[in-house]
Amino acid sequence: MTTVPQNIESAYQVCHETALAHYENFPVASNLLPKHLRRPISAIYAFARTADDYADEGDMDDEQRIAALQSYLEKLESILSGKNASDPVFIALSDTISNFQLSAELFTDLLDAFRQDVHKTRYANFDEVLSYCRRSANPVGRLLLELVKINDSQSLQQSDLVCTALQLINFYQDIGQDYDESNRIYLAQDEMQVANISEQHLAKRLSDTSFKHFMTMQICRADNMLISGYPLCSKIGGRLGLELKLTIHAAHLVAEKMLTENDVFQRPRLNKRDWPKLILRTLFNIKPKALKDCGESAKVPS
């Protein structure tokens, strides 16, 4: 058995602690994963989480955020060219990329999406939102598939559906926070216009009948995408497949809770009573059912 150098072990530990330090409704690098995947998944998560924080967190202005992301890109390019890193995240990431032959463009896509977050705050249509998700969320799923050597077109499509759905559900949980803190709206402007929804709904937190109906359509569409990707779990199999099932069930329950809230700005959270139910559904491979009130308006994008 190959011994991992101590500095790499320490770097992976930093990545794992980063994963544990951030609250998520969805499990990240949990103990359900097989040990040989826990470290690389922690490294991928720490890379994405840290870069995302440069775009979102703290008191930096836009110019400083772009500079921080550019420096992060240079660190990535450095390890991709074979140079040694001093940053623990990149020490671990370099080891992961080398061991699993991961695609460099998936990491650069993530950074491109985070740079976009700094300067783009409105989306003209749903295709623009999907384009953002293609770079901000889908690369993570594709990297996980590369870890287990799955690369057929159907699996990639299903992975993209799940990752995009997770991103959208996260947007809808944080709709008020994104507007208040970052002046961002991840809703399609043309769809808002057709539904007679304005930014005043967000500015004044107007959870009226029209906005509730509009958000129901958004949530249902995302949840249908999530369910459409569920068959990927069986193809992956093993403990990683179980992790994906648990993640999908957790996101599905969050979507369900959002539909039952009278206030669309209320962020639902999973509690201790939810997890036994989610674990049982995962272990018995119970496919999530379409949410009530979801009709033809919530079709999955082709």
Protein backbone atom coordinates (compact mmCIF):
# COMPACT_ATOMS: atom_id res chain seq x y z
CA MET A 1 0.00 0.00 0.00
CA THR A 2 1.40 3.40 -1.04
CA THR A 3 2.09 5.79 1.81
CA VAL A 4 0.73 9.30 1.29
CA PRO A 5 3.28 12.01 2.23
CA GLN A 6 2.47 13.80 5.48
CA ASN A 7 2.01 17.21 3.85
CA ILE A 8 -0.59 15.73 1.50
CA GLU A 9 -2.40 14.07 4.39
CA SER A 10 -2.48 17.42 6.19
CA ALA A 11 -3.73 19.14 3.05
CA TYR A 12 -6.58 16.67 2.68
CA GLN A 13 -7.47 17.21 6.32
CA VAL A 14 -7.77 20.97 5.69
CA CYS A 15 -10.10 20.23 2.77
CA HIS A 16 -12.21 17.88 4.85
CA GLU A 17 -12.53 20.49 7.60
CA THR A 18 -13.60 23.04 4.99
CA ALA A 19 -16.36 20.69 3.86
CA LEU A 20 -17.54 20.16 7.44
CA ALA A 21 -17.40 23.87 8.32
CA HIS A 22 -20.08 24.96 5.84
CA TYR A 23 -23.74 24.37 6.53
CA GLU A 24 -25.40 22.46 3.71
CA ASN A 25 -28.91 21.00 3.48
CA PHE A 26 -27.30 18.36 1.27
CA PRO A 27 -24.55 15.98 2.49
CA VAL A 28 -21.00 16.75 1.38
CA ALA A 29 -18.11 14.26 1.61
CA SER A 30 -19.94 12.41 4.38
CA ASN A 31 -18.85 9.22 6.11
CA LEU A 32 -21.26 7.36 3.84
CA LEU A 33 -18.66 7.68 1.09
CA PRO A 34 -15.98 5.02 0.67
CA LYS A 35 -12.73 6.18 2.25
CA HIS A 36 -10.78 6.23 -1.03
CA LEU A 37 -13.26 8.81 -2.44
CA ARG A 38 -13.71 10.90 0.69
CA ARG A 39 -10.40 12.69 0.30
CA PRO A 40 -10.67 13.57 -3.42
CA ILE A 41 -14.27 14.72 -3.00
CA SER A 42 -13.20 16.90 -0.06
CA ALA A 43 -10.45 18.42 -2.24
CA ILE A 44 -12.89 19.17 -5.07
CA TYR A 45 -15.40 20.66 -2.63
CA ALA A 46 -12.77 22.80 -0.86
CA PHE A 47 -11.57 24.16 -4.21
CA ALA A 48 -15.09 25.09 -5.30
CA ARG A 49 -16.18 26.38 -1.88
CA THR A 50 -13.15 28.64 -1.44
CA ALA A 51 -13.47 30.11 -4.94
CA ASP A 52 -17.21 30.64 -4.45
CA ASP A 53 -16.49 32.50 -1.21
CA TYR A 54 -14.18 34.86 -3.12
CA ALA A 55 -17.15 35.74 -5.34
CA ASP A 56 -19.69 36.00 -2.51
CA GLU A 57 -18.35 36.39 1.00
CA GLY A 58 -16.53 39.07 2.96
CA ASP A 59 -16.10 42.79 2.36
CA MET A 60 -14.07 42.81 -0.86
CA ASP A 61 -15.19 45.06 -3.70
CA ASP A 62 -15.73 43.67 -7.20
CA GLU A 63 -12.20 44.48 -8.34
CA GLN A 64 -10.70 42.66 -5.36
CA ARG A 65 -12.96 39.65 -5.95
CA ILE A 66 -11.89 39.38 -9.58
CA ALA A 67 -8.24 39.69 -8.53
CA ALA A 68 -8.66 36.94 -5.93
CA LEU A 69 -10.28 34.64 -8.48
CA GLN A 70 -7.53 35.41 -11.00
CA SER A 71 -4.91 34.46 -8.40
CA TYR A 72 -6.87 31.26 -7.74
CA LEU A 73 -6.87 30.49 -11.48
CA GLU A 74 -3.11 31.02 -11.60
CA LYS A 75 -2.65 28.55 -8.74
CA LEU A 76 -4.77 26.04 -10.65
CA GLU A 77 -2.79 26.56 -13.85
CA SER A 78 0.42 26.14 -11.87
CA ILE A 79 -0.45 22.68 -10.54
CA LEU A 80 -1.84 21.67 -13.94
CA SER A 81 1.57 22.47 -15.41
CA GLY A 82 3.20 20.17 -12.87
CA LYS A 83 4.50 22.72 -10.37
CA ASN A 84 4.34 22.17 -6.62
CA ALA A 85 1.82 24.08 -4.52
CA SER A 86 2.07 25.60 -1.05
CA ASP A 87 -1.69 26.18 -0.53
CA PRO A 88 -3.18 23.08 1.21
CA VAL A 89 -6.23 23.08 -1.09
CA PHE A 90 -4.00 22.95 -4.15
CA ILE A 91 -1.65 20.38 -2.65
CA ALA A 92 -4.63 18.07 -2.18
CA LEU A 93 -6.19 19.03 -5.50
CA SER A 94 -2.97 18.38 -7.40
CA ASP A 95 -2.77 14.91 -5.87
CA THR A 96 -6.42 14.23 -6.74
CA ILE A 97 -6.15 15.45 -10.33
CA SER A 98 -3.02 13.35 -10.86
CA ASN A 99 -4.40 10.18 -9.26
CA PHE A 100 -7.75 10.27 -11.07
CA GLN A 101 -6.77 12.06 -14.31
CA LEU A 102 -9.48 14.69 -13.87
CA SER A 103 -10.38 17.11 -16.67
CA ALA A 104 -8.83 20.55 -16.22
CA GLU A 105 -11.65 22.34 -18.07
CA LEU A 106 -14.16 21.30 -15.42
CA PHE A 107 -12.21 23.29 -12.82
CA THR A 108 -11.79 26.30 -15.11
CA ASP A 109 -15.54 26.21 -15.86
CA LEU A 110 -16.22 26.57 -12.13
CA LEU A 111 -13.93 29.58 -11.86
CA ASP A 112 -15.53 31.13 -14.94
CA ALA A 113 -18.95 30.86 -13.29
CA PHE A 114 -17.68 32.43 -10.07
CA ARG A 115 -16.19 35.34 -12.02
CA GLN A 116 -19.56 35.78 -13.71
CA ASP A 117 -21.20 36.01 -10.29
CA VAL A 118 -19.17 39.12 -9.53
CA HIS A 119 -20.54 41.19 -12.41
CA LYS A 120 -23.75 39.52 -13.67
CA THR A 121 -26.78 39.94 -11.43
CA ARG A 122 -29.73 39.42 -13.82
CA TYR A 123 -30.64 36.65 -16.28
CA ALA A 124 -32.71 37.48 -19.35
CA ASN A 125 -34.16 33.98 -19.78
CA PHE A 126 -33.99 30.46 -18.40
CA ASP A 127 -31.40 29.43 -20.99
CA GLU A 128 -29.03 31.98 -19.43
CA VAL A 129 -29.69 30.49 -16.00
CA LEU A 130 -29.01 27.00 -17.36
CA SER A 131 -25.78 28.23 -18.95
CA TYR A 132 -24.64 29.49 -15.56
CA CYS A 133 -25.54 26.16 -13.92
CA ARG A 134 -23.65 24.32 -16.65
CA ARG A 135 -20.47 25.98 -15.36
CA SER A 136 -21.25 26.53 -11.67
CA ALA A 137 -22.78 23.16 -10.75
CA ASN A 138 -22.53 20.55 -13.50
CA PRO A 139 -18.71 20.31 -13.43
CA VAL A 140 -18.86 18.97 -9.87
CA GLY A 141 -21.09 16.08 -10.91
CA ARG A 142 -18.92 15.32 -13.92
CA LEU A 143 -15.82 15.31 -11.73
CA LEU A 144 -17.47 12.77 -9.42
CA LEU A 145 -18.24 10.58 -12.44
CA GLU A 146 -14.61 10.83 -13.50
CA LEU A 147 -13.59 9.59 -10.04
CA VAL A 148 -15.51 6.36 -10.72
CA LYS A 149 -14.70 6.15 -14.45
CA ILE A 150 -18.25 6.67 -15.76
CA ASN A 151 -18.42 8.72 -18.95
CA ASP A 152 -21.32 7.54 -21.14
CA SER A 153 -23.57 10.26 -22.54
CA GLN A 154 -26.71 9.19 -20.65
CA SER A 155 -24.92 9.28 -17.30
CA LEU A 156 -23.44 12.69 -18.07
CA GLN A 157 -26.89 14.03 -18.99
CA GLN A 158 -28.43 12.63 -15.81
CA SER A 159 -25.60 14.07 -13.73
CA ASP A 160 -26.14 17.49 -15.30
CA LEU A 161 -29.87 17.32 -14.52
CA VAL A 162 -29.21 16.51 -10.86
CA CYS A 163 -26.52 19.16 -10.43
CA THR A 164 -28.52 21.88 -12.17
CA ALA A 165 -31.56 20.99 -10.07
CA LEU A 166 -29.52 21.17 -6.86
CA GLN A 167 -28.22 24.59 -7.90
CA LEU A 168 -31.71 25.86 -8.73
CA ILE A 169 -33.20 24.57 -5.48
CA ASN A 170 -30.39 26.32 -3.63
CA PHE A 171 -31.21 29.55 -5.50
CA TYR A 172 -34.86 29.31 -4.52
CA GLN A 173 -33.98 28.71 -0.86
CA ASP A 174 -31.81 31.83 -0.85
CA ILE A 175 -33.90 34.07 -3.11
CA GLY A 176 -34.27 36.83 -0.53
CA GLN A 177 -30.72 36.59 0.79
CA ASP A 178 -29.19 36.73 -2.71
CA TYR A 179 -31.18 39.87 -3.50
CA ASP A 180 -30.55 41.63 -0.19
CA GLU A 181 -26.85 40.80 0.15
CA SER A 182 -25.63 40.61 -3.46
CA ASN A 183 -28.36 42.25 -5.58
CA ARG A 184 -28.62 39.00 -7.54
CA ILE A 185 -31.73 37.47 -9.06
CA TYR A 186 -31.38 33.97 -10.50
CA LEU A 187 -34.89 34.05 -11.97
CA ALA A 188 -35.49 34.47 -15.71
CA GLN A 189 -36.50 38.06 -16.37
CA ASP A 190 -38.79 37.13 -19.29
CA GLU A 191 -40.63 34.58 -17.14
CA MET A 192 -41.03 37.16 -14.38
CA GLN A 193 -42.47 39.62 -16.86
CA VAL A 194 -45.00 37.14 -18.24
CA ALA A 195 -46.07 36.26 -14.67
CA ASN A 196 -46.33 39.96 -13.77
CA ILE A 197 -43.60 39.59 -11.17
CA SER A 198 -41.34 42.57 -10.52
CA GLU A 199 -38.25 43.19 -8.45
CA GLN A 200 -40.54 44.86 -5.91
CA HIS A 201 -41.62 41.37 -4.86
CA LEU A 202 -38.03 40.76 -3.82
CA ALA A 203 -37.29 44.23 -2.48
CA LYS A 204 -40.40 44.27 -0.30
CA ARG A 205 -40.57 40.49 0.23
CA LEU A 206 -44.08 40.32 -1.17
CA SER A 207 -45.16 36.72 -0.83
CA ASP A 208 -48.47 37.25 -2.60
CA THR A 209 -50.55 34.75 -4.60
CA SER A 210 -48.94 35.57 -7.94
CA PHE A 211 -45.40 35.21 -6.63
CA LYS A 212 -46.25 31.97 -4.82
CA HIS A 213 -47.67 30.55 -8.04
CA PHE A 214 -44.60 31.69 -9.96
CA MET A 215 -42.21 30.13 -7.45
CA THR A 216 -44.24 26.91 -7.45
CA MET A 217 -43.53 26.58 -11.17
CA GLN A 218 -39.82 27.28 -10.60
CA ILE A 219 -39.55 24.74 -7.77
CA CYS A 220 -41.52 22.07 -9.62
CA ARG A 221 -39.38 22.40 -12.74
CA ALA A 222 -36.20 22.02 -10.70
CA ASP A 223 -37.62 19.05 -8.78
CA ASN A 224 -38.65 17.30 -12.00
CA MET A 225 -35.09 17.71 -13.27
CA LEU A 226 -33.83 16.21 -10.01
CA ILE A 227 -36.08 13.16 -10.33
CA SER A 228 -35.15 12.70 -14.00
CA GLY A 229 -31.54 12.22 -12.95
CA TYR A 230 -32.34 9.69 -10.20
CA PRO A 231 -31.56 6.56 -12.32
CA LEU A 232 -27.89 7.60 -12.27
CA CYS A 233 -27.72 6.45 -8.63
CA SER A 234 -28.13 2.79 -9.57
CA LYS A 235 -25.59 3.05 -12.35
CA ILE A 236 -22.97 4.45 -9.97
CA GLY A 237 -23.88 1.92 -7.29
CA GLY A 238 -22.02 1.32 -4.06
CA ARG A 239 -21.66 3.88 -1.33
CA LEU A 240 -21.24 6.78 -3.75
CA GLY A 241 -24.56 5.80 -5.34
CA LEU A 242 -26.13 5.80 -1.87
CA GLU A 243 -24.66 9.25 -1.20
CA LEU A 244 -26.22 10.54 -4.41
CA LYS A 245 -29.59 9.00 -3.52
CA LEU A 246 -29.47 10.63 -0.10
CA THR A 247 -28.57 13.98 -1.67
CA ILE A 248 -31.47 13.74 -4.13
CA HIS A 249 -33.94 12.74 -1.43
CA ALA A 250 -32.73 15.63 0.77
CA ALA A 251 -33.11 18.15 -2.05
CA HIS A 252 -36.53 16.73 -2.95
CA LEU A 253 -37.69 17.18 0.64
CA VAL A 254 -36.38 20.75 0.69
CA ALA A 255 -38.37 21.44 -2.50
CA GLU A 256 -41.44 19.90 -0.89
CA LYS A 257 -41.01 22.08 2.20
CA MET A 258 -40.67 25.19 0.05
CA LEU A 259 -44.05 24.47 -1.54
CA THR A 260 -45.73 24.22 1.86
CA GLU A 261 -44.35 27.54 3.14
CA ASN A 262 -46.75 30.49 3.14
CA ASP A 263 -43.76 32.80 2.85
CA VAL A 264 -41.64 32.03 -0.22
CA PHE A 265 -38.74 33.86 1.43
CA GLN A 266 -38.65 31.46 4.37
CA ARG A 267 -35.59 29.22 3.99
CA PRO A 268 -36.50 25.60 4.80
CA ARG A 269 -33.98 23.52 6.69
CA LEU A 270 -33.79 19.82 7.21
CA ASN A 271 -34.00 18.84 10.87
CA LYS A 272 -33.07 15.78 12.91
CA ARG A 273 -36.51 14.25 12.43
CA ASP A 274 -36.15 14.39 8.65
CA TRP A 275 -32.97 12.33 8.37
CA PRO A 276 -34.29 8.90 9.49
CA LYS A 277 -37.00 9.17 6.82
CA LEU A 278 -34.46 10.23 4.20
CA ILE A 279 -32.10 7.39 5.12
CA LEU A 280 -34.89 4.80 4.88
CA ARG A 281 -35.94 6.09 1.46
CA THR A 282 -32.31 5.89 0.38
CA LEU A 283 -31.70 2.36 1.66
CA PHE A 284 -34.94 1.03 0.14
CA ASN A 285 -34.29 2.81 -3.16
CA ILE A 286 -37.63 4.63 -3.14
CA LYS A 287 -37.67 6.96 -6.12
CA PRO A 288 -38.98 10.44 -5.25
CA LYS A 289 -42.46 11.18 -6.56
CA ALA A 290 -43.38 14.34 -8.44
CA LEU A 291 -44.55 17.04 -6.08
CA LYS A 292 -48.22 17.93 -5.96
CA ASP A 293 -49.24 21.10 -7.77
CA CYS A 294 -46.62 20.40 -10.42
CA GLY A 295 -48.20 20.42 -13.87
CA GLU A 296 -47.20 20.77 -17.50
CA SER A 297 -45.64 24.17 -16.81
CA ALA A 298 -42.79 22.43 -15.00
CA LYS A 299 -41.41 20.34 -17.84
CA VAL A 300 -37.75 19.38 -17.77
CA PRO A 301 -35.73 21.39 -20.33
CA SER A 302 -34.52 19.29 -23.25
